[in-house]
Amino acid sequence: MTIEEKARFDRTEQHIKEIQKDISNILSALVGNSANGNTGLIHEVKQLKEEQTELKEQISLLKTENV
């Protein structure tokens, strides 16, 4: 392997390591990790959907009571 090939290989290897770190950070943001109590964005969206459903039900009840 030439010096140029080795340098290219090393750069490629470094880029792959950076991509792996980025993927790990994205995964942690989406599903959470132990540092944030495993409550990533997916958990937050699920919670918001549940709250939205509950609020819609309450609004529907209020509308029927006012009719």
Protein backbone atom coordinates (compact mmCIF):
# COMPACT_ATOMS: atom_id res chain seq x y z
CA MET A 1 0.00 0.00 0.00
CA THR A 2 1.39 3.36 -1.00
CA ILE A 3 1.55 6.35 1.32
CA GLU A 4 -1.26 8.01 -0.64
CA GLU A 5 -3.45 4.91 -0.40
CA LYS A 6 -2.78 4.63 3.33
CA ALA A 7 -3.70 8.29 3.85
CA ARG A 8 -6.90 7.79 1.86
CA PHE A 9 -7.72 4.68 3.86
CA ASP A 10 -7.12 6.53 7.14
CA ARG A 11 -9.38 9.42 6.06
CA THR A 12 -12.10 6.98 5.01
CA GLU A 13 -11.80 5.15 8.31
CA GLN A 14 -12.09 8.45 10.21
CA HIS A 15 -15.18 9.43 8.21
CA ILE A 16 -16.79 6.09 9.00
CA LYS A 17 -16.13 6.60 12.72
CA GLU A 18 -17.71 10.07 12.55
CA ILE A 19 -20.75 8.67 10.73
CA GLN A 20 -21.12 5.98 13.39
CA LYS A 21 -21.04 8.63 16.13
CA ASP A 22 -23.65 10.67 14.29
CA ILE A 23 -25.90 7.64 13.88
CA SER A 24 -25.53 6.84 17.57
CA ASN A 25 -26.47 10.43 18.50
CA ILE A 26 -29.50 10.33 16.21
CA LEU A 27 -30.59 7.00 17.68
CA SER A 28 -30.26 8.36 21.21
CA ALA A 29 -32.34 11.39 20.29
CA LEU A 30 -35.06 9.23 18.75
CA VAL A 31 -35.37 6.42 21.28
CA GLY A 32 -33.56 7.88 24.27
CA ASN A 33 -30.78 6.59 26.47
CA SER A 34 -30.14 6.02 30.16
CA ALA A 35 -29.05 9.63 30.63
CA ASN A 36 -32.48 10.96 29.64
CA GLY A 37 -34.53 8.15 31.11
CA ASN A 38 -35.02 6.46 27.75
CA THR A 39 -37.49 9.14 26.72
CA GLY A 40 -36.47 10.16 23.25
CA LEU A 41 -38.49 11.93 20.60
CA ILE A 42 -40.48 8.82 19.75
CA HIS A 43 -41.69 8.55 23.34
CA GLU A 44 -42.51 12.25 23.42
CA VAL A 45 -44.54 12.02 20.20
CA LYS A 46 -46.47 9.04 21.57
CA GLN A 47 -47.26 11.01 24.72
CA LEU A 48 -48.41 14.02 22.72
CA LYS A 49 -50.68 11.84 20.57
CA GLU A 50 -52.23 10.33 23.69
CA GLU A 51 -52.81 13.79 25.16
CA GLN A 52 -54.30 14.96 21.86
CA THR A 53 -56.70 12.02 21.78
CA GLU A 54 -57.74 12.72 25.36
CA LEU A 55 -58.31 16.41 24.63
CA LYS A 56 -60.38 15.58 21.54
CA GLU A 57 -62.54 13.29 23.65
CA GLN A 58 -63.00 16.00 26.28
CA ILE A 59 -63.92 18.55 23.61
CA SER A 60 -66.42 16.14 22.13
CA LEU A 61 -68.01 15.60 25.55
CA LEU A 62 -68.21 19.34 26.16
CA LYS A 63 -69.86 19.86 22.78
CA THR A 64 -72.48 17.20 23.48
CA GLU A 65 -73.18 18.68 26.92
CA ASN A 66 -73.70 22.15 25.44
CA VAL A 67 -76.15 20.97 22.81
